[in-house]
Amino acid sequence: MKARIRITLKNGVLDPQGKAIQHALGGLGFAGVEDVRQGKYIEVKLNETDEAKAKDAIEKMCKDLLANTVIENYSYELVA
C-alpha cells in the first residue's frame, strides 16, 4: 500500500519561498499570478494490507515527523 501525502502551510503563515516563486514567474513573463503557496509531497510505501493500520501509521508519521502541525496542514490518500 502506498500513501500520497501533501503538506501545506496553514492560512496566515508567511510563505517566503512561495513569494520568491511568484516573483520568478512574473520575471519569466507569467502575468496575472496573484499568489503562490508552496508545500511538500511525500510518497511512503507501506508493507501493510490493513487500511486502518496503514491510516494509523501515516497519521503518526505526519504528526511525529513529516508535518509541523503548528504551521502546516497535511492530507493523504492511500492507494493499493
PDB file of N, CA and C in Angstrom:
ATOM      1  N   MET A   1       0.855  -1.170   0.000  1.00  0.00           N
ATOM      2  CA  MET A   1       0.000   0.000   0.000  1.00  0.00           C
ATOM      3  C   MET A   1       0.903   1.237   0.000  1.00  0.00           C
ATOM      4  N   LYS A   2       0.473   2.262  -0.705  1.00  0.00           N
ATOM      5  CA  LYS A   2       1.239   3.498  -0.805  1.00  0.00           C
ATOM      6  C   LYS A   2       0.393   4.651  -0.275  1.00  0.00           C
ATOM      7  N   ALA A   3       1.053   5.574   0.419  1.00  0.00           N
ATOM      8  CA  ALA A   3       0.397   6.792   0.884  1.00  0.00           C
ATOM      9  C   ALA A   3       0.981   7.965   0.119  1.00  0.00           C
ATOM     10  N   ARG A   4       0.104   8.813  -0.383  1.00  0.00           N
ATOM     11  CA  ARG A   4       0.498  10.068  -1.028  1.00  0.00           C
ATOM     12  C   ARG A   4       0.137  11.193  -0.070  1.00  0.00           C
ATOM     13  N   ILE A   5       1.152  11.863   0.444  1.00  0.00           N
ATOM     14  CA  ILE A   5       0.963  12.850   1.500  1.00  0.00           C
ATOM     15  C   ILE A   5       1.259  14.245   0.961  1.00  0.00           C
ATOM     16  N   ARG A   6       0.337  15.182   1.215  1.00  0.00           N
ATOM     17  CA  ARG A   6       0.519  16.581   0.833  1.00  0.00           C
ATOM     18  C   ARG A   6       0.577  17.418   2.100  1.00  0.00           C
ATOM     19  N   ILE A   7       1.608  18.244   2.193  1.00  0.00           N
ATOM     20  CA  ILE A   7       1.791  19.106   3.354  1.00  0.00           C
ATOM     21  C   ILE A   7       1.846  20.545   2.862  1.00  0.00           C
ATOM     22  N   THR A   8       0.998  21.394   3.434  1.00  0.00           N
ATOM     23  CA  THR A   8       0.932  22.795   3.032  1.00  0.00           C
ATOM     24  C   THR A   8       0.939  23.684   4.269  1.00  0.00           C
ATOM     25  N   LEU A   9       1.384  24.922   4.075  1.00  0.00           N
ATOM     26  CA  LEU A   9       1.348  25.881   5.164  1.00  0.00           C
ATOM     27  C   LEU A   9      -0.093  26.277   5.465  1.00  0.00           C
ATOM     28  N   LYS A  10      -0.387  26.490   6.718  1.00  0.00           N
ATOM     29  CA  LYS A  10      -1.720  26.948   7.107  1.00  0.00           C
ATOM     30  C   LYS A  10      -1.931  28.368   6.608  1.00  0.00           C
ATOM     31  N   ASN A  11      -3.204  28.723   6.408  1.00  0.00           N
ATOM     32  CA  ASN A  11      -3.537  30.092   6.016  1.00  0.00           C
ATOM     33  C   ASN A  11      -3.017  31.051   7.077  1.00  0.00           C
ATOM     34  N   GLY A  12      -2.465  32.163   6.633  1.00  0.00           N
ATOM     35  CA  GLY A  12      -1.950  33.160   7.550  1.00  0.00           C
ATOM     36  C   GLY A  12      -0.472  33.009   7.870  1.00  0.00           C
ATOM     37  N   VAL A  13       0.108  31.856   7.536  1.00  0.00           N
ATOM     38  CA  VAL A  13       1.540  31.646   7.764  1.00  0.00           C
ATOM     39  C   VAL A  13       2.288  32.205   6.557  1.00  0.00           C
ATOM     40  N   LEU A  14       3.267  33.058   6.819  1.00  0.00           N
ATOM     41  CA  LEU A  14       4.043  33.643   5.725  1.00  0.00           C
ATOM     42  C   LEU A  14       4.779  32.553   4.949  1.00  0.00           C
ATOM     43  N   ASP A  15       4.845  32.729   3.640  1.00  0.00           N
ATOM     44  CA  ASP A  15       5.469  31.747   2.751  1.00  0.00           C
ATOM     45  C   ASP A  15       6.500  32.447   1.873  1.00  0.00           C
ATOM     46  N   PRO A  16       7.712  32.693   2.398  1.00  0.00           N
ATOM     47  CA  PRO A  16       8.709  33.411   1.599  1.00  0.00           C
ATOM     48  C   PRO A  16       9.121  32.662   0.336  1.00  0.00           C
ATOM     49  N   GLN A  17       9.150  31.346   0.384  1.00  0.00           N
ATOM     50  CA  GLN A  17       9.502  30.593  -0.820  1.00  0.00           C
ATOM     51  C   GLN A  17       8.410  30.733  -1.880  1.00  0.00           C
ATOM     52  N   GLY A  18       7.163  30.730  -1.461  1.00  0.00           N
ATOM     53  CA  GLY A  18       6.060  30.959  -2.395  1.00  0.00           C
ATOM     54  C   GLY A  18       6.155  32.328  -3.039  1.00  0.00           C
ATOM     55  N   LYS A  19       6.511  33.347  -2.240  1.00  0.00           N
ATOM     56  CA  LYS A  19       6.677  34.704  -2.781  1.00  0.00           C
ATOM     57  C   LYS A  19       7.823  34.753  -3.779  1.00  0.00           C
ATOM     58  N   ALA A  20       8.910  34.041  -3.500  1.00  0.00           N
ATOM     59  CA  ALA A  20      10.048  34.010  -4.427  1.00  0.00           C
ATOM     60  C   ALA A  20       9.643  33.349  -5.742  1.00  0.00           C
ATOM     61  N   ILE A  21       8.859  32.282  -5.665  1.00  0.00           N
ATOM     62  CA  ILE A  21       8.375  31.612  -6.876  1.00  0.00           C
ATOM     63  C   ILE A  21       7.469  32.544  -7.666  1.00  0.00           C
ATOM     64  N   GLN A  22       6.574  33.239  -6.953  1.00  0.00           N
ATOM     65  CA  GLN A  22       5.668  34.187  -7.615  1.00  0.00           C
ATOM     66  C   GLN A  22       6.462  35.270  -8.343  1.00  0.00           C
ATOM     67  N   HIS A  23       7.472  35.804  -7.685  1.00  0.00           N
ATOM     68  CA  HIS A  23       8.312  36.844  -8.294  1.00  0.00           C
ATOM     69  C   HIS A  23       9.043  36.301  -9.527  1.00  0.00           C
ATOM     70  N   ALA A  24       9.585  35.088  -9.413  1.00  0.00           N
ATOM     71  CA  ALA A  24      10.300  34.486 -10.549  1.00  0.00           C
ATOM     72  C   ALA A  24       9.356  34.241 -11.727  1.00  0.00           C
ATOM     73  N   LEU A  25       8.139  33.800 -11.450  1.00  0.00           N
ATOM     74  CA  LEU A  25       7.170  33.589 -12.530  1.00  0.00           C
ATOM     75  C   LEU A  25       6.862  34.897 -13.244  1.00  0.00           C
ATOM     76  N   GLY A  26       6.716  35.976 -12.470  1.00  0.00           N
ATOM     77  CA  GLY A  26       6.492  37.293 -13.078  1.00  0.00           C
ATOM     78  C   GLY A  26       7.656  37.697 -13.955  1.00  0.00           C
ATOM     79  N   GLY A  27       8.879  37.412 -13.492  1.00  0.00           N
ATOM     80  CA  GLY A  27      10.064  37.729 -14.279  1.00  0.00           C
ATOM     81  C   GLY A  27      10.168  36.930 -15.557  1.00  0.00           C
ATOM     82  N   LEU A  28       9.536  35.765 -15.582  1.00  0.00           N
ATOM     83  CA  LEU A  28       9.532  34.930 -16.781  1.00  0.00           C
ATOM     84  C   LEU A  28       8.373  35.260 -17.720  1.00  0.00           C
ATOM     85  N   GLY A  29       7.582  36.268 -17.356  1.00  0.00           N
ATOM     86  CA  GLY A  29       6.510  36.708 -18.236  1.00  0.00           C
ATOM     87  C   GLY A  29       5.145  36.106 -17.944  1.00  0.00           C
ATOM     88  N   PHE A  30       5.013  35.396 -16.850  1.00  0.00           N
ATOM     89  CA  PHE A  30       3.710  34.838 -16.480  1.00  0.00           C
ATOM     90  C   PHE A  30       2.936  35.882 -15.691  1.00  0.00           C
ATOM     91  N   ALA A  31       2.210  36.719 -16.408  1.00  0.00           N
ATOM     92  CA  ALA A  31       1.454  37.801 -15.791  1.00  0.00           C
ATOM     93  C   ALA A  31       0.186  37.252 -15.139  1.00  0.00           C
ATOM     94  N   GLY A  32      -0.276  37.950 -14.135  1.00  0.00           N
ATOM     95  CA  GLY A  32      -1.548  37.593 -13.521  1.00  0.00           C
ATOM     96  C   GLY A  32      -1.453  36.553 -12.415  1.00  0.00           C
ATOM     97  N   VAL A  33      -0.249  36.159 -12.012  1.00  0.00           N
ATOM     98  CA  VAL A  33      -0.117  35.220 -10.893  1.00  0.00           C
ATOM     99  C   VAL A  33      -0.267  36.035  -9.614  1.00  0.00           C
ATOM    100  N   GLU A  34      -1.381  35.854  -8.923  1.00  0.00           N
ATOM    101  CA  GLU A  34      -1.684  36.661  -7.748  1.00  0.00           C
ATOM    102  C   GLU A  34      -1.021  36.145  -6.477  1.00  0.00           C
ATOM    103  N   ASP A  35      -0.857  34.836  -6.349  1.00  0.00           N
ATOM    104  CA  ASP A  35      -0.285  34.283  -5.130  1.00  0.00           C
ATOM    105  C   ASP A  35       0.245  32.889  -5.412  1.00  0.00           C
ATOM    106  N   VAL A  36       1.299  32.518  -4.732  1.00  0.00           N
ATOM    107  CA  VAL A  36       1.861  31.169  -4.828  1.00  0.00           C
ATOM    108  C   VAL A  36       2.110  30.674  -3.412  1.00  0.00           C
ATOM    109  N   ARG A  37       1.667  29.484  -3.123  1.00  0.00           N
ATOM    110  CA  ARG A  37       1.945  28.818  -1.855  1.00  0.00           C
ATOM    111  C   ARG A  37       2.634  27.512  -2.207  1.00  0.00           C
ATOM    112  N   GLN A  38       3.746  27.243  -1.583  1.00  0.00           N
ATOM    113  CA  GLN A  38       4.461  26.014  -1.868  1.00  0.00           C
ATOM    114  C   GLN A  38       4.279  25.045  -0.710  1.00  0.00           C
ATOM    115  N   GLY A  39       4.497  23.772  -0.994  1.00  0.00           N
ATOM    116  CA  GLY A  39       4.358  22.757   0.036  1.00  0.00           C
ATOM    117  C   GLY A  39       5.251  21.570  -0.271  1.00  0.00           C
ATOM    118  N   LYS A  40       4.927  20.445   0.348  1.00  0.00           N
ATOM    119  CA  LYS A  40       5.711  19.228   0.167  1.00  0.00           C
ATOM    120  C   LYS A  40       4.784  18.096  -0.280  1.00  0.00           C
ATOM    121  N   TYR A  41       5.330  17.201  -1.067  1.00  0.00           N
ATOM    122  CA  TYR A  41       4.633  15.991  -1.490  1.00  0.00           C
ATOM    123  C   TYR A  41       5.541  14.818  -1.161  1.00  0.00           C
ATOM    124  N   ILE A  42       5.007  13.859  -0.430  1.00  0.00           N
ATOM    125  CA  ILE A  42       5.806  12.717   0.011  1.00  0.00           C
ATOM    126  C   ILE A  42       5.035  11.441  -0.298  1.00  0.00           C
ATOM    127  N   GLU A  43       5.715  10.451  -0.863  1.00  0.00           N
ATOM    128  CA  GLU A  43       5.126   9.124  -1.051  1.00  0.00           C
ATOM    129  C   GLU A  43       5.805   8.155  -0.094  1.00  0.00           C
ATOM    130  N   VAL A  44       4.997   7.377   0.597  1.00  0.00           N
ATOM    131  CA  VAL A  44       5.502   6.377   1.529  1.00  0.00           C
ATOM    132  C   VAL A  44       4.900   5.036   1.140  1.00  0.00           C
ATOM    133  N   LYS A  45       5.751   4.055   0.880  1.00  0.00           N
ATOM    134  CA  LYS A  45       5.275   2.712   0.573  1.00  0.00           C
ATOM    135  C   LYS A  45       5.284   1.913   1.867  1.00  0.00           C
ATOM    136  N   LEU A  46       4.142   1.360   2.200  1.00  0.00           N
ATOM    137  CA  LEU A  46       3.971   0.596   3.425  1.00  0.00           C
ATOM    138  C   LEU A  46       3.809  -0.881   3.116  1.00  0.00           C
ATOM    139  N   ASN A  47       4.394  -1.704   3.949  1.00  0.00           N
ATOM    140  CA  ASN A  47       4.201  -3.146   3.856  1.00  0.00           C
ATOM    141  C   ASN A  47       3.026  -3.497   4.764  1.00  0.00           C
ATOM    142  N   GLU A  48       1.850  -3.011   4.379  1.00  0.00           N
ATOM    143  CA  GLU A  48       0.643  -3.178   5.189  1.00  0.00           C
ATOM    144  C   GLU A  48      -0.552  -3.367   4.272  1.00  0.00           C
ATOM    145  N   THR A  49      -1.390  -4.318   4.583  1.00  0.00           N
ATOM    146  CA  THR A  49      -2.589  -4.561   3.776  1.00  0.00           C
ATOM    147  C   THR A  49      -3.858  -4.086   4.468  1.00  0.00           C
ATOM    148  N   ASP A  50      -3.803  -3.890   5.767  1.00  0.00           N
ATOM    149  CA  ASP A  50      -4.960  -3.428   6.533  1.00  0.00           C
ATOM    150  C   ASP A  50      -5.044  -1.905   6.443  1.00  0.00           C
ATOM    151  N   GLU A  51      -6.121  -1.384   5.854  1.00  0.00           N
ATOM    152  CA  GLU A  51      -6.258   0.055   5.623  1.00  0.00           C
ATOM    153  C   GLU A  51      -6.269   0.845   6.932  1.00  0.00           C
ATOM    154  N   ALA A  52      -6.936   0.345   7.945  1.00  0.00           N
ATOM    155  CA  ALA A  52      -6.999   1.050   9.230  1.00  0.00           C
ATOM    156  C   ALA A  52      -5.613   1.158   9.862  1.00  0.00           C
ATOM    157  N   LYS A  53      -4.838   0.095   9.800  1.00  0.00           N
ATOM    158  CA  LYS A  53      -3.482   0.124  10.353  1.00  0.00           C
ATOM    159  C   LYS A  53      -2.594   1.071   9.547  1.00  0.00           C
ATOM    160  N   ALA A  54      -2.768   1.084   8.233  1.00  0.00           N
ATOM    161  CA  ALA A  54      -1.992   1.988   7.385  1.00  0.00           C
ATOM    162  C   ALA A  54      -2.324   3.438   7.718  1.00  0.00           C
ATOM    163  N   LYS A  55      -3.613   3.753   7.889  1.00  0.00           N
ATOM    164  CA  LYS A  55      -4.013   5.120   8.243  1.00  0.00           C
ATOM    165  C   LYS A  55      -3.416   5.528   9.579  1.00  0.00           C
ATOM    166  N   ASP A  56      -3.467   4.629  10.559  1.00  0.00           N
ATOM    167  CA  ASP A  56      -2.885   4.929  11.869  1.00  0.00           C
ATOM    168  C   ASP A  56      -1.395   5.230  11.749  1.00  0.00           C
ATOM    169  N   ALA A  57      -0.690   4.430  10.958  1.00  0.00           N
ATOM    170  CA  ALA A  57       0.753   4.621  10.778  1.00  0.00           C
ATOM    171  C   ALA A  57       1.047   5.958  10.106  1.00  0.00           C
ATOM    172  N   ILE A  58       0.304   6.286   9.055  1.00  0.00           N
ATOM    173  CA  ILE A  58       0.531   7.540   8.329  1.00  0.00           C
ATOM    174  C   ILE A  58       0.214   8.739   9.218  1.00  0.00           C
ATOM    175  N   GLU A  59      -0.879   8.668   9.969  1.00  0.00           N
ATOM    176  CA  GLU A  59      -1.212   9.751  10.902  1.00  0.00           C
ATOM    177  C   GLU A  59      -0.064   9.985  11.880  1.00  0.00           C
ATOM    178  N   LYS A  60       0.465   8.911  12.438  1.00  0.00           N
ATOM    179  CA  LYS A  60       1.561   9.038  13.404  1.00  0.00           C
ATOM    180  C   LYS A  60       2.808   9.611  12.730  1.00  0.00           C
ATOM    181  N   MET A  61       3.119   9.154  11.518  1.00  0.00           N
ATOM    182  CA  MET A  61       4.280   9.681  10.795  1.00  0.00           C
ATOM    183  C   MET A  61       4.142  11.187  10.572  1.00  0.00           C
ATOM    184  N   CYS A  62       2.948  11.605  10.138  1.00  0.00           N
ATOM    185  CA  CYS A  62       2.727  13.026   9.853  1.00  0.00           C
ATOM    186  C   CYS A  62       2.842  13.868  11.123  1.00  0.00           C
ATOM    187  N   LYS A  63       2.210  13.406  12.194  1.00  0.00           N
ATOM    188  CA  LYS A  63       2.217  14.176  13.438  1.00  0.00           C
ATOM    189  C   LYS A  63       3.584  14.191  14.115  1.00  0.00           C
ATOM    190  N   ASP A  64       4.319  13.076  14.030  1.00  0.00           N
ATOM    191  CA  ASP A  64       5.592  12.966  14.739  1.00  0.00           C
ATOM    192  C   ASP A  64       6.790  13.514  13.961  1.00  0.00           C
ATOM    193  N   LEU A  65       6.722  13.500  12.625  1.00  0.00           N
ATOM    194  CA  LEU A  65       7.913  13.870  11.860  1.00  0.00           C
ATOM    195  C   LEU A  65       7.645  14.689  10.602  1.00  0.00           C
ATOM    196  N   LEU A  66       6.732  14.255   9.781  1.00  0.00           N
ATOM    197  CA  LEU A  66       6.631  14.816   8.433  1.00  0.00           C
ATOM    198  C   LEU A  66       6.064  16.230   8.386  1.00  0.00           C
ATOM    199  N   ALA A  67       5.125  16.547   9.259  1.00  0.00           N
ATOM    200  CA  ALA A  67       4.493  17.870   9.244  1.00  0.00           C
ATOM    201  C   ALA A  67       4.696  18.571  10.583  1.00  0.00           C
ATOM    202  N   ASN A  68       4.919  19.866  10.515  1.00  0.00           N
ATOM    203  CA  ASN A  68       4.931  20.689  11.720  1.00  0.00           C
ATOM    204  C   ASN A  68       3.500  21.184  11.892  1.00  0.00           C
ATOM    205  N   THR A  69       2.733  20.506  12.718  1.00  0.00           N
ATOM    206  CA  THR A  69       1.292  20.766  12.792  1.00  0.00           C
ATOM    207  C   THR A  69       0.952  22.126  13.402  1.00  0.00           C
ATOM    208  N   VAL A  70       1.948  22.842  13.914  1.00  0.00           N
ATOM    209  CA  VAL A  70       1.699  24.196  14.397  1.00  0.00           C
ATOM    210  C   VAL A  70       1.469  25.127  13.213  1.00  0.00           C
ATOM    211  N   ILE A  71       2.234  24.932  12.125  1.00  0.00           N
ATOM    212  CA  ILE A  71       2.139  25.844  10.982  1.00  0.00           C
ATOM    213  C   ILE A  71       1.727  25.158   9.684  1.00  0.00           C
ATOM    214  N   GLU A  72       1.596  23.821   9.695  1.00  0.00           N
ATOM    215  CA  GLU A  72       1.292  23.097   8.464  1.00  0.00           C
ATOM    216  C   GLU A  72       0.055  22.213   8.618  1.00  0.00           C
ATOM    217  N   ASN A  73      -0.654  22.079   7.521  1.00  0.00           N
ATOM    218  CA  ASN A  73      -1.735  21.102   7.384  1.00  0.00           C
ATOM    219  C   ASN A  73      -1.221  19.935   6.546  1.00  0.00           C
ATOM    220  N   TYR A  74      -1.813  18.781   6.746  1.00  0.00           N
ATOM    221  CA  TYR A  74      -1.459  17.644   5.901  1.00  0.00           C
ATOM    222  C   TYR A  74      -2.722  16.883   5.516  1.00  0.00           C
ATOM    223  N   SER A  75      -2.640  16.241   4.377  1.00  0.00           N
ATOM    224  CA  SER A  75      -3.688  15.344   3.918  1.00  0.00           C
ATOM    225  C   SER A  75      -2.997  14.201   3.190  1.00  0.00           C
ATOM    226  N   TYR A  76      -3.692  13.101   3.089  1.00  0.00           N
ATOM    227  CA  TYR A  76      -3.088  11.954   2.405  1.00  0.00           C
ATOM    228  C   TYR A  76      -4.176  11.090   1.801  1.00  0.00           C
ATOM    229  N   GLU A  77      -3.743  10.268   0.876  1.00  0.00           N
ATOM    230  CA  GLU A  77      -4.618   9.245   0.303  1.00  0.00           C
ATOM    231  C   GLU A  77      -3.841   7.948   0.236  1.00  0.00           C
ATOM    232  N   LEU A  78      -4.538   6.874   0.451  1.00  0.00           N
ATOM    233  CA  LEU A  78      -3.936   5.557   0.355  1.00  0.00           C
ATOM    234  C   LEU A  78      -4.323   4.930  -0.975  1.00  0.00           C
ATOM    235  N   VAL A  79      -3.345   4.316  -1.642  1.00  0.00           N
ATOM    236  CA  VAL A  79      -3.602   3.632  -2.907  1.00  0.00           C
ATOM    237  C   VAL A  79      -2.985   2.242  -2.827  1.00  0.00           C
ATOM    238  N   ALA A  80      -3.637   1.317  -3.483  1.00  0.00           N
ATOM    239  CA  ALA A  80      -3.158  -0.067  -3.438  1.00  0.00           C
ATOM    240  C   ALA A  80      -1.911  -0.243  -4.265  1.00  0.00           C
TER     241      ALA A  80
END
